[in-house]
């Protein structure tokens, strides 16, 4: 039996050798290649599986990390109400909302910009006093909500503020106090005193210009009252005190009571007074503060124009404030952070 088995095996070997001899060289190469590939597949598929698993695990880890960062950021902004630099930068990149005013989102970045610039001059006093922080937060949020409502009305009324208007106002602010600073030195003042960059300050100017234009556009009562004041001044020889007394609390009367520094900041009244001849009254103009129409009468000024004496009547804008009060009463303002109301901040 053993001899038979050996002979059979030997016979098979001889048959295989005979078949191999009949194969062409190309067939032999192809056959060898297939043998090598077959051996490689034993290692390929486990490695391929490992690679897929690695990619899958990496995606899971990345998703979890993003979720954790998102939750941490949300908690820091909306619950802890942090105003840290890194979070402020995030709000400048992502369109996050801190509140909603009559259907329009209030940008978190606007709120933080106003808040940070408000507490910068106060320094450590605010950082160590939570009550003071709450007060400044409430003012900042109120202002951000007003600006947002002004943006909403501007869209509805077709009111626009151009880059040129912002640049012009920026240039005017560089000349505050009669000193024309270089842009570099002015930006250093902004950074040191308010923590504002140029783009942030331009954003503030843009918002204030939008609000001013909207207030002027919607306040029909102020327009009519301005015409009335102008007529009364023409009829009584420019006696501002008498006009203000006749109109009671509808207008504000002011006189410097003597010569005063011409570099004072007063919404543009001093600048207007300096442009007039003694005893003359200006045409109505909107205060650079955006709070109403003004008439100015020059009483006196010195030759150097460093001192000026004037009187003025201001017709305040009230319609915008009334509309803000109304939407607050109608609960059309939703706030996403918890800040206590403060009557002094209103």
C-alpha atoms as a PDB file:
ATOM      1  CA  UNK A   1       0.000   0.000   0.000  1.00  0.00           C
ATOM      2  CA  UNK A   2       2.794   2.354   0.852  1.00  0.00           C
ATOM      3  CA  UNK A   3       4.531   1.651  -2.395  1.00  0.00           C
ATOM      4  CA  UNK A   4       1.312   2.270  -4.267  1.00  0.00           C
ATOM      5  CA  UNK A   5       0.788   5.624  -2.494  1.00  0.00           C
ATOM      6  CA  UNK A   6       4.297   6.758  -3.226  1.00  0.00           C
ATOM      7  CA  UNK A   7       4.020   5.848  -6.842  1.00  0.00           C
ATOM      8  CA  UNK A   8       0.737   7.671  -7.176  1.00  0.00           C
ATOM      9  CA  UNK A   9       2.201  10.823  -5.622  1.00  0.00           C
ATOM     10  CA  UNK A  10       5.229  10.544  -7.835  1.00  0.00           C
ATOM     11  CA  UNK A  11       2.964  10.172 -10.806  1.00  0.00           C
ATOM     12  CA  UNK A  12       1.111  13.368  -9.947  1.00  0.00           C
ATOM     13  CA  UNK A  13       4.381  15.259  -9.563  1.00  0.00           C
ATOM     14  CA  UNK A  14       5.532  14.069 -12.958  1.00  0.00           C
ATOM     15  CA  UNK A  15       2.190  15.126 -14.489  1.00  0.00           C
ATOM     16  CA  UNK A  16       2.502  18.615 -12.914  1.00  0.00           C
ATOM     17  CA  UNK A  17       6.061  18.992 -14.178  1.00  0.00           C
ATOM     18  CA  UNK A  18       4.902  17.928 -17.599  1.00  0.00           C
ATOM     19  CA  UNK A  19       2.115  20.510 -17.531  1.00  0.00           C
ATOM     20  CA  UNK A  20       4.511  23.241 -16.329  1.00  0.00           C
ATOM     21  CA  UNK A  21       6.810  22.501 -19.223  1.00  0.00           C
ATOM     22  CA  UNK A  22       3.939  22.948 -21.650  1.00  0.00           C
ATOM     23  CA  UNK A  23       3.052  26.459 -20.240  1.00  0.00           C
ATOM     24  CA  UNK A  24       4.392  29.543 -21.933  1.00  0.00           C
ATOM     25  CA  UNK A  25       6.656  31.928 -20.074  1.00  0.00           C
ATOM     26  CA  UNK A  26       3.832  34.550 -19.916  1.00  0.00           C
ATOM     27  CA  UNK A  27       1.435  32.031 -18.356  1.00  0.00           C
ATOM     28  CA  UNK A  28       4.034  31.189 -15.738  1.00  0.00           C
ATOM     29  CA  UNK A  29       4.512  34.884 -14.869  1.00  0.00           C
ATOM     30  CA  UNK A  30       0.764  35.437 -14.604  1.00  0.00           C
ATOM     31  CA  UNK A  31       0.379  32.386 -12.417  1.00  0.00           C
ATOM     32  CA  UNK A  32       3.207  33.508 -10.123  1.00  0.00           C
ATOM     33  CA  UNK A  33       1.757  36.993  -9.871  1.00  0.00           C
ATOM     34  CA  UNK A  34      -1.616  35.579  -8.868  1.00  0.00           C
ATOM     35  CA  UNK A  35       0.038  33.511  -6.146  1.00  0.00           C
ATOM     36  CA  UNK A  36       1.774  36.605  -4.745  1.00  0.00           C
ATOM     37  CA  UNK A  37      -1.434  38.641  -4.858  1.00  0.00           C
ATOM     38  CA  UNK A  38      -3.361  35.889  -3.115  1.00  0.00           C
ATOM     39  CA  UNK A  39      -0.855  35.901  -0.270  1.00  0.00           C
ATOM     40  CA  UNK A  40      -1.046  39.744  -0.077  1.00  0.00           C
ATOM     41  CA  UNK A  41      -4.811  39.720   0.277  1.00  0.00           C
ATOM     42  CA  UNK A  42      -4.435  38.018   3.620  1.00  0.00           C
ATOM     43  CA  UNK A  43      -2.819  41.222   4.920  1.00  0.00           C
ATOM     44  CA  UNK A  44      -4.693  43.786   2.802  1.00  0.00           C
ATOM     45  CA  UNK A  45      -8.224  43.235   4.063  1.00  0.00           C
ATOM     46  CA  UNK A  46      -7.430  43.357   7.785  1.00  0.00           C
ATOM     47  CA  UNK A  47      -5.419  46.555   7.164  1.00  0.00           C
ATOM     48  CA  UNK A  48      -8.255  48.040   5.109  1.00  0.00           C
ATOM     49  CA  UNK A  49     -10.679  47.271   7.901  1.00  0.00           C
ATOM     50  CA  UNK A  50      -8.358  48.940  10.418  1.00  0.00           C
ATOM     51  CA  UNK A  51      -8.095  52.068   8.237  1.00  0.00           C
ATOM     52  CA  UNK A  52     -11.895  52.357   7.960  1.00  0.00           C
ATOM     53  CA  UNK A  53     -12.210  51.922  11.692  1.00  0.00           C
ATOM     54  CA  UNK A  54      -9.576  54.617  12.301  1.00  0.00           C
ATOM     55  CA  UNK A  55     -11.377  57.098  10.033  1.00  0.00           C
ATOM     56  CA  UNK A  56     -14.708  56.314  11.682  1.00  0.00           C
ATOM     57  CA  UNK A  57     -13.267  56.769  15.179  1.00  0.00           C
ATOM     58  CA  UNK A  58     -11.611  60.042  14.145  1.00  0.00           C
ATOM     59  CA  UNK A  59     -14.923  61.399  12.855  1.00  0.00           C
ATOM     60  CA  UNK A  60     -16.684  60.382  16.082  1.00  0.00           C
ATOM     61  CA  UNK A  61     -14.014  62.063  18.212  1.00  0.00           C
ATOM     62  CA  UNK A  62     -14.164  65.237  16.087  1.00  0.00           C
ATOM     63  CA  UNK A  63     -17.963  65.414  16.341  1.00  0.00           C
ATOM     64  CA  UNK A  64     -17.852  64.910  20.109  1.00  0.00           C
ATOM     65  CA  UNK A  65     -15.112  67.552  20.448  1.00  0.00           C
ATOM     66  CA  UNK A  66     -17.089  70.093  18.406  1.00  0.00           C
ATOM     67  CA  UNK A  67     -20.206  69.338  20.443  1.00  0.00           C
ATOM     68  CA  UNK A  68     -18.320  69.823  23.720  1.00  0.00           C
ATOM     69  CA  UNK A  69     -16.745  73.078  22.516  1.00  0.00           C
ATOM     70  CA  UNK A  70     -20.162  74.310  21.338  1.00  0.00           C
ATOM     71  CA  UNK A  71     -21.799  73.492  24.669  1.00  0.00           C
ATOM     72  CA  UNK A  72     -18.921  75.079  26.596  1.00  0.00           C
ATOM     73  CA  UNK A  73     -19.081  78.212  24.440  1.00  0.00           C
ATOM     74  CA  UNK A  74     -22.849  78.441  24.793  1.00  0.00           C
ATOM     75  CA  UNK A  75     -22.583  78.073  28.568  1.00  0.00           C
ATOM     76  CA  UNK A  76     -19.822  80.700  28.797  1.00  0.00           C
ATOM     77  CA  UNK A  77     -21.725  83.226  26.653  1.00  0.00           C
ATOM     78  CA  UNK A  78     -25.333  82.723  27.636  1.00  0.00           C
ATOM     79  CA  UNK A  79     -25.075  81.500  31.237  1.00  0.00           C
ATOM     80  CA  UNK A  80     -21.764  82.782  32.600  1.00  0.00           C
ATOM     81  CA  UNK A  81     -22.050  85.868  30.343  1.00  0.00           C
ATOM     82  CA  UNK A  82     -18.311  85.987  29.790  1.00  0.00           C
ATOM     83  CA  UNK A  83     -16.920  88.850  27.713  1.00  0.00           C
ATOM     84  CA  UNK A  84     -13.470  87.299  27.270  1.00  0.00           C
ATOM     85  CA  UNK A  85     -11.494  88.174  24.139  1.00  0.00           C
ATOM     86  CA  UNK A  86     -11.708  84.708  22.584  1.00  0.00           C
ATOM     87  CA  UNK A  87     -15.500  84.562  22.985  1.00  0.00           C
ATOM     88  CA  UNK A  88     -15.888  88.094  21.662  1.00  0.00           C
ATOM     89  CA  UNK A  89     -13.882  87.082  18.567  1.00  0.00           C
ATOM     90  CA  UNK A  90     -16.153  84.081  18.130  1.00  0.00           C
ATOM     91  CA  UNK A  91     -19.239  86.320  18.128  1.00  0.00           C
ATOM     92  CA  UNK A  92     -17.628  88.426  15.408  1.00  0.00           C
ATOM     93  CA  UNK A  93     -17.271  85.336  13.234  1.00  0.00           C
ATOM     94  CA  UNK A  94     -20.492  83.483  14.015  1.00  0.00           C
ATOM     95  CA  UNK A  95     -23.920  85.184  13.675  1.00  0.00           C
ATOM     96  CA  UNK A  96     -24.922  84.621  17.305  1.00  0.00           C
ATOM     97  CA  UNK A  97     -27.888  86.496  18.775  1.00  0.00           C
ATOM     98  CA  UNK A  98     -28.183  87.926  22.275  1.00  0.00           C
ATOM     99  CA  UNK A  99     -31.806  89.038  21.849  1.00  0.00           C
ATOM    100  CA  UNK A 100     -34.549  89.581  19.289  1.00  0.00           C
ATOM    101  CA  UNK A 101     -36.319  92.919  18.753  1.00  0.00           C
ATOM    102  CA  UNK A 102     -39.616  92.851  16.884  1.00  0.00           C
ATOM    103  CA  UNK A 103     -38.432  89.846  14.882  1.00  0.00           C
ATOM    104  CA  UNK A 104     -34.863  91.078  14.183  1.00  0.00           C
ATOM    105  CA  UNK A 105     -31.854  89.435  15.835  1.00  0.00           C
ATOM    106  CA  UNK A 106     -29.585  91.538  18.049  1.00  0.00           C
ATOM    107  CA  UNK A 107     -25.970  90.678  17.259  1.00  0.00           C
ATOM    108  CA  UNK A 108     -24.068  89.319  20.250  1.00  0.00           C
ATOM    109  CA  UNK A 109     -20.963  91.051  18.901  1.00  0.00           C
ATOM    110  CA  UNK A 110     -22.694  94.466  19.019  1.00  0.00           C
ATOM    111  CA  UNK A 111     -23.751  93.929  22.624  1.00  0.00           C
ATOM    112  CA  UNK A 112     -20.267  92.820  23.710  1.00  0.00           C
ATOM    113  CA  UNK A 113     -18.614  95.657  21.788  1.00  0.00           C
ATOM    114  CA  UNK A 114     -20.738  98.245  23.601  1.00  0.00           C
ATOM    115  CA  UNK A 115     -20.323  96.542  26.981  1.00  0.00           C
ATOM    116  CA  UNK A 116     -16.554  96.118  26.709  1.00  0.00           C
ATOM    117  CA  UNK A 117     -16.036  99.727  25.581  1.00  0.00           C
ATOM    118  CA  UNK A 118     -18.226 100.933  28.467  1.00  0.00           C
ATOM    119  CA  UNK A 119     -16.386  99.105  31.248  1.00  0.00           C
ATOM    120  CA  UNK A 120     -12.882  99.753  29.884  1.00  0.00           C
ATOM    121  CA  UNK A 121     -12.635 103.295  31.367  1.00  0.00           C
ATOM    122  CA  UNK A 122     -13.924 102.044  34.748  1.00  0.00           C
ATOM    123  CA  UNK A 123     -11.237  99.358  34.922  1.00  0.00           C
ATOM    124  CA  UNK A 124     -10.903  97.206  38.021  1.00  0.00           C
ATOM    125  CA  UNK A 125     -13.750  98.945  39.859  1.00  0.00           C
ATOM    126  CA  UNK A 126     -16.260  97.205  37.606  1.00  0.00           C
ATOM    127  CA  UNK A 127     -14.441  93.862  37.565  1.00  0.00           C
ATOM    128  CA  UNK A 128     -14.681  93.631  41.353  1.00  0.00           C
ATOM    129  CA  UNK A 129     -18.302  94.785  41.607  1.00  0.00           C
ATOM    130  CA  UNK A 130     -20.986  92.516  40.168  1.00  0.00           C
ATOM    131  CA  UNK A 131     -23.712  95.158  40.672  1.00  0.00           C
ATOM    132  CA  UNK A 132     -21.768  97.624  38.537  1.00  0.00           C
ATOM    133  CA  UNK A 133     -21.273  94.950  35.907  1.00  0.00           C
ATOM    134  CA  UNK A 134     -25.004  94.285  35.789  1.00  0.00           C
ATOM    135  CA  UNK A 135     -25.648  98.005  35.359  1.00  0.00           C
ATOM    136  CA  UNK A 136     -23.237  98.281  32.421  1.00  0.00           C
ATOM    137  CA  UNK A 137     -24.607  95.075  30.890  1.00  0.00           C
ATOM    138  CA  UNK A 138     -28.137  96.444  31.032  1.00  0.00           C
ATOM    139  CA  UNK A 139     -27.089  99.727  29.384  1.00  0.00           C
ATOM    140  CA  UNK A 140     -25.161  97.839  26.682  1.00  0.00           C
ATOM    141  CA  UNK A 141     -28.050  95.484  25.935  1.00  0.00           C
ATOM    142  CA  UNK A 142     -30.567  98.338  25.852  1.00  0.00           C
ATOM    143  CA  UNK A 143     -28.357 100.231  23.410  1.00  0.00           C
ATOM    144  CA  UNK A 144     -27.812  97.148  21.239  1.00  0.00           C
ATOM    145  CA  UNK A 145     -31.575  96.581  21.120  1.00  0.00           C
ATOM    146  CA  UNK A 146     -32.217 100.203  20.133  1.00  0.00           C
ATOM    147  CA  UNK A 147     -29.622 100.053  17.373  1.00  0.00           C
ATOM    148  CA  UNK A 148     -31.139  96.795  16.108  1.00  0.00           C
ATOM    149  CA  UNK A 149     -34.618  98.318  16.048  1.00  0.00           C
ATOM    150  CA  UNK A 150     -33.193 101.298  14.167  1.00  0.00           C
ATOM    151  CA  UNK A 151     -31.646  98.889  11.624  1.00  0.00           C
ATOM    152  CA  UNK A 152     -35.041  97.206  11.194  1.00  0.00           C
ATOM    153  CA  UNK A 153     -36.786 100.537  10.597  1.00  0.00           C
ATOM    154  CA  UNK A 154     -34.003 101.659   8.257  1.00  0.00           C
ATOM    155  CA  UNK A 155     -34.567  98.554   6.119  1.00  0.00           C
ATOM    156  CA  UNK A 156     -38.303  99.269   6.001  1.00  0.00           C
ATOM    157  CA  UNK A 157     -37.819 102.971   5.168  1.00  0.00           C
ATOM    158  CA  UNK A 158     -35.009 102.435   2.653  1.00  0.00           C
ATOM    159  CA  UNK A 159     -32.538 104.432   4.730  1.00  0.00           C
ATOM    160  CA  UNK A 160     -28.847 103.768   4.071  1.00  0.00           C
ATOM    161  CA  UNK A 161     -25.571 104.863   5.628  1.00  0.00           C
ATOM    162  CA  UNK A 162     -22.612 104.813   3.241  1.00  0.00           C
ATOM    163  CA  UNK A 163     -18.972 104.054   3.955  1.00  0.00           C
ATOM    164  CA  UNK A 164     -18.201 107.643   2.944  1.00  0.00           C
ATOM    165  CA  UNK A 165     -20.510 108.989   5.671  1.00  0.00           C
ATOM    166  CA  UNK A 166     -18.841 106.794   8.270  1.00  0.00           C
ATOM    167  CA  UNK A 167     -15.383 107.896   7.101  1.00  0.00           C
ATOM    168  CA  UNK A 168     -16.431 111.551   7.258  1.00  0.00           C
ATOM    169  CA  UNK A 169     -17.700 111.201  10.827  1.00  0.00           C
ATOM    170  CA  UNK A 170     -14.546 109.296  11.773  1.00  0.00           C
ATOM    171  CA  UNK A 171     -12.459 112.217  10.469  1.00  0.00           C
ATOM    172  CA  UNK A 172     -14.553 114.691  12.476  1.00  0.00           C
ATOM    173  CA  UNK A 173     -14.001 112.731  15.667  1.00  0.00           C
ATOM    174  CA  UNK A 174     -10.260 112.880  15.077  1.00  0.00           C
ATOM    175  CA  UNK A 175     -10.539 116.669  15.382  1.00  0.00           C
ATOM    176  CA  UNK A 176     -12.306 116.636  18.757  1.00  0.00           C
ATOM    177  CA  UNK A 177     -11.284 119.411  21.162  1.00  0.00           C
ATOM    178  CA  UNK A 178      -9.894 121.434  18.251  1.00  0.00           C
ATOM    179  CA  UNK A 179      -6.932 119.077  17.862  1.00  0.00           C
ATOM    180  CA  UNK A 180      -6.492 117.144  14.627  1.00  0.00           C
ATOM    181  CA  UNK A 181      -4.818 113.898  15.609  1.00  0.00           C
ATOM    182  CA  UNK A 182      -3.192 111.506  13.189  1.00  0.00           C
ATOM    183  CA  UNK A 183      -5.156 108.340  12.572  1.00  0.00           C
ATOM    184  CA  UNK A 184      -2.489 106.331  14.366  1.00  0.00           C
ATOM    185  CA  UNK A 185      -2.611 108.460  17.523  1.00  0.00           C
ATOM    186  CA  UNK A 186      -6.415 108.591  17.453  1.00  0.00           C
ATOM    187  CA  UNK A 187      -6.644 104.801  17.206  1.00  0.00           C
ATOM    188  CA  UNK A 188      -4.246 104.519  20.142  1.00  0.00           C
ATOM    189  CA  UNK A 189      -6.586 106.739  22.194  1.00  0.00           C
ATOM    190  CA  UNK A 190      -9.518 104.519  21.238  1.00  0.00           C
ATOM    191  CA  UNK A 191      -7.628 101.361  22.138  1.00  0.00           C
ATOM    192  CA  UNK A 192      -6.203 102.650  25.423  1.00  0.00           C
ATOM    193  CA  UNK A 193      -9.407 104.261  26.675  1.00  0.00           C
ATOM    194  CA  UNK A 194     -12.166 102.114  25.192  1.00  0.00           C
ATOM    195  CA  UNK A 195     -10.483  98.968  23.895  1.00  0.00           C
ATOM    196  CA  UNK A 196     -11.811  99.620  20.387  1.00  0.00           C
ATOM    197  CA  UNK A 197     -10.148  98.880  17.078  1.00  0.00           C
ATOM    198  CA  UNK A 198     -10.796 100.979  13.974  1.00  0.00           C
ATOM    199  CA  UNK A 199     -13.337  98.529  12.553  1.00  0.00           C
ATOM    200  CA  UNK A 200     -15.177  98.376  15.877  1.00  0.00           C
ATOM    201  CA  UNK A 201     -15.301 102.164  16.164  1.00  0.00           C
ATOM    202  CA  UNK A 202     -16.541 102.412  12.580  1.00  0.00           C
ATOM    203  CA  UNK A 203     -19.266  99.916  13.474  1.00  0.00           C
ATOM    204  CA  UNK A 204     -20.284 102.161  16.379  1.00  0.00           C
ATOM    205  CA  UNK A 205     -20.376 105.195  14.094  1.00  0.00           C
ATOM    206  CA  UNK A 206     -22.424 103.276  11.535  1.00  0.00           C
ATOM    207  CA  UNK A 207     -25.007 102.253  14.139  1.00  0.00           C
ATOM    208  CA  UNK A 208     -25.273 105.777  15.540  1.00  0.00           C
ATOM    209  CA  UNK A 209     -25.734 107.264  12.049  1.00  0.00           C
ATOM    210  CA  UNK A 210     -28.470 104.745  11.201  1.00  0.00           C
ATOM    211  CA  UNK A 211     -30.298 105.527  14.445  1.00  0.00           C
ATOM    212  CA  UNK A 212     -29.958 109.279  13.896  1.00  0.00           C
ATOM    213  CA  UNK A 213     -31.332 109.081  10.345  1.00  0.00           C
ATOM    214  CA  UNK A 214     -34.227 106.906  11.451  1.00  0.00           C
ATOM    215  CA  UNK A 215     -35.121 109.212  14.337  1.00  0.00           C
ATOM    216  CA  UNK A 216     -35.134 112.209  12.015  1.00  0.00           C
ATOM    217  CA  UNK A 217     -37.218 110.411   9.403  1.00  0.00           C
ATOM    218  CA  UNK A 218     -39.991 109.101  11.663  1.00  0.00           C
ATOM    219  CA  UNK A 219     -40.421 112.071  14.016  1.00  0.00           C
ATOM    220  CA  UNK A 220     -43.078 114.165  12.311  1.00  0.00           C
ATOM    221  CA  UNK A 221     -43.887 116.014  15.532  1.00  0.00           C
ATOM    222  CA  UNK A 222     -40.297 117.232  15.845  1.00  0.00           C
ATOM    223  CA  UNK A 223     -40.382 118.453  12.255  1.00  0.00           C
ATOM    224  CA  UNK A 224     -43.581 120.421  12.832  1.00  0.00           C
ATOM    225  CA  UNK A 225     -42.309 121.822  16.129  1.00  0.00           C
ATOM    226  CA  UNK A 226     -39.087 122.939  14.428  1.00  0.00           C
ATOM    227  CA  UNK A 227     -41.088 124.917  11.889  1.00  0.00           C
ATOM    228  CA  UNK A 228     -43.091 126.455  14.727  1.00  0.00           C
ATOM    229  CA  UNK A 229     -39.946 127.475  16.632  1.00  0.00           C
ATOM    230  CA  UNK A 230     -38.446 129.023  13.499  1.00  0.00           C
ATOM    231  CA  UNK A 231     -41.580 131.071  12.918  1.00  0.00           C
ATOM    232  CA  UNK A 232     -41.700 132.282  16.542  1.00  0.00           C
ATOM    233  CA  UNK A 233     -38.030 133.291  16.452  1.00  0.00           C
ATOM    234  CA  UNK A 234     -38.629 135.334  13.291  1.00  0.00           C
ATOM    235  CA  UNK A 235     -41.648 137.021  14.872  1.00  0.00           C
ATOM    236  CA  UNK A 236     -40.075 137.971  18.238  1.00  0.00           C
ATOM    237  CA  UNK A 237     -36.659 139.129  17.016  1.00  0.00           C
ATOM    238  CA  UNK A 238     -34.786 135.955  17.949  1.00  0.00           C
ATOM    239  CA  UNK A 239     -35.605 135.918  21.663  1.00  0.00           C
ATOM    240  CA  UNK A 240     -34.868 132.251  22.378  1.00  0.00           C
ATOM    241  CA  UNK A 241     -35.679 132.456  26.059  1.00  0.00           C
ATOM    242  CA  UNK A 242     -39.187 133.739  25.341  1.00  0.00           C
ATOM    243  CA  UNK A 243     -39.815 131.027  22.735  1.00  0.00           C
ATOM    244  CA  UNK A 244     -38.681 128.287  25.099  1.00  0.00           C
ATOM    245  CA  UNK A 245     -40.872 129.658  27.887  1.00  0.00           C
ATOM    246  CA  UNK A 246     -43.899 129.783  25.592  1.00  0.00           C
ATOM    247  CA  UNK A 247     -43.409 126.176  24.470  1.00  0.00           C
ATOM    248  CA  UNK A 248     -42.766 124.840  27.960  1.00  0.00           C
ATOM    249  CA  UNK A 249     -41.215 121.386  28.199  1.00  0.00           C
ATOM    250  CA  UNK A 250     -41.442 120.673  24.476  1.00  0.00           C
ATOM    251  CA  UNK A 251     -38.039 122.257  23.823  1.00  0.00           C
ATOM    252  CA  UNK A 252     -34.793 122.723  25.739  1.00  0.00           C
ATOM    253  CA  UNK A 253     -33.214 126.162  26.114  1.00  0.00           C
ATOM    254  CA  UNK A 254     -29.548 126.675  26.974  1.00  0.00           C
ATOM    255  CA  UNK A 255     -27.140 129.605  27.138  1.00  0.00           C
ATOM    256  CA  UNK A 256     -23.509 129.492  28.111  1.00  0.00           C
ATOM    257  CA  UNK A 257     -23.941 132.495  30.431  1.00  0.00           C
ATOM    258  CA  UNK A 258     -20.699 134.029  29.229  1.00  0.00           C
ATOM    259  CA  UNK A 259     -17.594 133.154  27.259  1.00  0.00           C
ATOM    260  CA  UNK A 260     -16.713 129.466  27.233  1.00  0.00           C
ATOM    261  CA  UNK A 261     -14.069 127.249  25.626  1.00  0.00           C
ATOM    262  CA  UNK A 262     -14.808 126.771  21.946  1.00  0.00           C
ATOM    263  CA  UNK A 263     -13.483 123.190  22.111  1.00  0.00           C
ATOM    264  CA  UNK A 264     -16.362 121.976  24.246  1.00  0.00           C
ATOM    265  CA  UNK A 265     -18.276 118.899  23.079  1.00  0.00           C
ATOM    266  CA  UNK A 266     -21.953 119.810  22.722  1.00  0.00           C
ATOM    267  CA  UNK A 267     -23.345 118.092  19.667  1.00  0.00           C
ATOM    268  CA  UNK A 268     -22.013 120.662  17.220  1.00  0.00           C
ATOM    269  CA  UNK A 269     -23.598 123.767  18.775  1.00  0.00           C
ATOM    270  CA  UNK A 270     -20.275 125.492  19.456  1.00  0.00           C
ATOM    271  CA  UNK A 271     -19.034 124.822  15.926  1.00  0.00           C
ATOM    272  CA  UNK A 272     -22.260 126.253  14.523  1.00  0.00           C
ATOM    273  CA  UNK A 273     -22.041 129.320  16.770  1.00  0.00           C
ATOM    274  CA  UNK A 274     -18.484 130.037  15.602  1.00  0.00           C
ATOM    275  CA  UNK A 275     -19.654 130.052  11.989  1.00  0.00           C
ATOM    276  CA  UNK A 276     -22.218 132.822  12.682  1.00  0.00           C
ATOM    277  CA  UNK A 277     -22.031 136.596  12.916  1.00  0.00           C
ATOM    278  CA  UNK A 278     -22.825 138.177  16.271  1.00  0.00           C
ATOM    279  CA  UNK A 279     -26.584 138.242  16.950  1.00  0.00           C
ATOM    280  CA  UNK A 280     -27.428 135.879  14.075  1.00  0.00           C
ATOM    281  CA  UNK A 281     -29.400 132.628  14.421  1.00  0.00           C
ATOM    282  CA  UNK A 282     -28.591 129.443  12.543  1.00  0.00           C
ATOM    283  CA  UNK A 283     -30.970 127.408  10.464  1.00  0.00           C
ATOM    284  CA  UNK A 284     -32.280 124.254  12.129  1.00  0.00           C
ATOM    285  CA  UNK A 285     -29.750 121.395  12.098  1.00  0.00           C
ATOM    286  CA  UNK A 286     -29.617 117.925  13.585  1.00  0.00           C
ATOM    287  CA  UNK A 287     -27.315 117.654  16.578  1.00  0.00           C
ATOM    288  CA  UNK A 288     -24.276 115.462  15.957  1.00  0.00           C
ATOM    289  CA  UNK A 289     -25.460 113.495  18.988  1.00  0.00           C
ATOM    290  CA  UNK A 290     -28.534 112.615  16.970  1.00  0.00           C
ATOM    291  CA  UNK A 291     -30.905 113.630  19.742  1.00  0.00           C
ATOM    292  CA  UNK A 292     -32.862 116.404  17.993  1.00  0.00           C
ATOM    293  CA  UNK A 293     -32.981 119.597  15.928  1.00  0.00           C
ATOM    294  CA  UNK A 294     -31.109 122.680  17.159  1.00  0.00           C
ATOM    295  CA  UNK A 295     -31.128 126.442  16.640  1.00  0.00           C
ATOM    296  CA  UNK A 296     -28.053 128.391  17.772  1.00  0.00           C
ATOM    297  CA  UNK A 297     -27.659 132.139  18.291  1.00  0.00           C
ATOM    298  CA  UNK A 298     -24.194 133.673  18.568  1.00  0.00           C
ATOM    299  CA  UNK A 299     -23.969 136.170  21.425  1.00  0.00           C
ATOM    300  CA  UNK A 300     -20.231 136.839  21.256  1.00  0.00           C
ATOM    301  CA  UNK A 301     -16.837 135.340  20.407  1.00  0.00           C
ATOM    302  CA  UNK A 302     -13.258 136.539  20.729  1.00  0.00           C
ATOM    303  CA  UNK A 303     -10.983 137.275  17.785  1.00  0.00           C
ATOM    304  CA  UNK A 304      -9.046 134.037  18.158  1.00  0.00           C
ATOM    305  CA  UNK A 305     -12.332 132.039  18.180  1.00  0.00           C
ATOM    306  CA  UNK A 306     -11.051 130.244  21.265  1.00  0.00           C
ATOM    307  CA  UNK A 307     -13.913 131.574  23.405  1.00  0.00           C
ATOM    308  CA  UNK A 308     -17.595 131.748  22.504  1.00  0.00           C
ATOM    309  CA  UNK A 309     -20.893 132.787  24.081  1.00  0.00           C
ATOM    310  CA  UNK A 310     -24.119 131.427  22.580  1.00  0.00           C
ATOM    311  CA  UNK A 311     -27.720 130.456  23.262  1.00  0.00           C
ATOM    312  CA  UNK A 312     -29.592 127.512  21.792  1.00  0.00           C
ATOM    313  CA  UNK A 313     -32.954 125.798  21.518  1.00  0.00           C
ATOM    314  CA  UNK A 314     -33.165 122.054  21.010  1.00  0.00           C
ATOM    315  CA  UNK A 315     -36.230 120.174  19.769  1.00  0.00           C
ATOM    316  CA  UNK A 316     -35.741 116.588  20.953  1.00  0.00           C
ATOM    317  CA  UNK A 317     -36.603 113.483  18.980  1.00  0.00           C
ATOM    318  CA  UNK A 318     -39.205 111.482  20.904  1.00  0.00           C
ATOM    319  CA  UNK A 319     -40.933 109.210  18.395  1.00  0.00           C
ATOM    320  CA  UNK A 320     -38.234 106.533  18.354  1.00  0.00           C
ATOM    321  CA  UNK A 321     -38.245 106.303  22.153  1.00  0.00           C
ATOM    322  CA  UNK A 322     -42.035 105.999  22.150  1.00  0.00           C
ATOM    323  CA  UNK A 323     -41.887 103.138  19.674  1.00  0.00           C
ATOM    324  CA  UNK A 324     -39.225 101.343  21.712  1.00  0.00           C
ATOM    325  CA  UNK A 325     -41.354 101.692  24.853  1.00  0.00           C
ATOM    326  CA  UNK A 326     -44.351 100.319  22.979  1.00  0.00           C
ATOM    327  CA  UNK A 327     -42.613  97.182  21.713  1.00  0.00           C
ATOM    328  CA  UNK A 328     -41.247  96.576  25.225  1.00  0.00           C
ATOM    329  CA  UNK A 329     -44.765  96.857  26.645  1.00  0.00           C
ATOM    330  CA  UNK A 330     -46.035  94.469  23.955  1.00  0.00           C
ATOM    331  CA  UNK A 331     -43.288  91.954  24.860  1.00  0.00           C
ATOM    332  CA  UNK A 332     -41.792  92.088  21.371  1.00  0.00           C
ATOM    333  CA  UNK A 333     -38.280  91.932  22.801  1.00  0.00           C
ATOM    334  CA  UNK A 334     -36.884  88.523  23.732  1.00  0.00           C
ATOM    335  CA  UNK A 335     -33.559  88.448  25.584  1.00  0.00           C
ATOM    336  CA  UNK A 336     -31.417  85.304  25.648  1.00  0.00           C
ATOM    337  CA  UNK A 337     -29.263  86.303  28.642  1.00  0.00           C
ATOM    338  CA  UNK A 338     -30.507  87.083  32.127  1.00  0.00           C
ATOM    339  CA  UNK A 339     -29.761  90.689  33.102  1.00  0.00           C
ATOM    340  CA  UNK A 340     -31.706  92.439  35.832  1.00  0.00           C
ATOM    341  CA  UNK A 341     -33.687  95.525  34.857  1.00  0.00           C
ATOM    342  CA  UNK A 342     -32.296  98.788  36.257  1.00  0.00           C
ATOM    343  CA  UNK A 343     -34.338 101.980  36.156  1.00  0.00           C
ATOM    344  CA  UNK A 344     -31.166 104.078  36.093  1.00  0.00           C
ATOM    345  CA  UNK A 345     -30.089 102.259  32.939  1.00  0.00           C
ATOM    346  CA  UNK A 346     -33.254 103.163  31.037  1.00  0.00           C
END
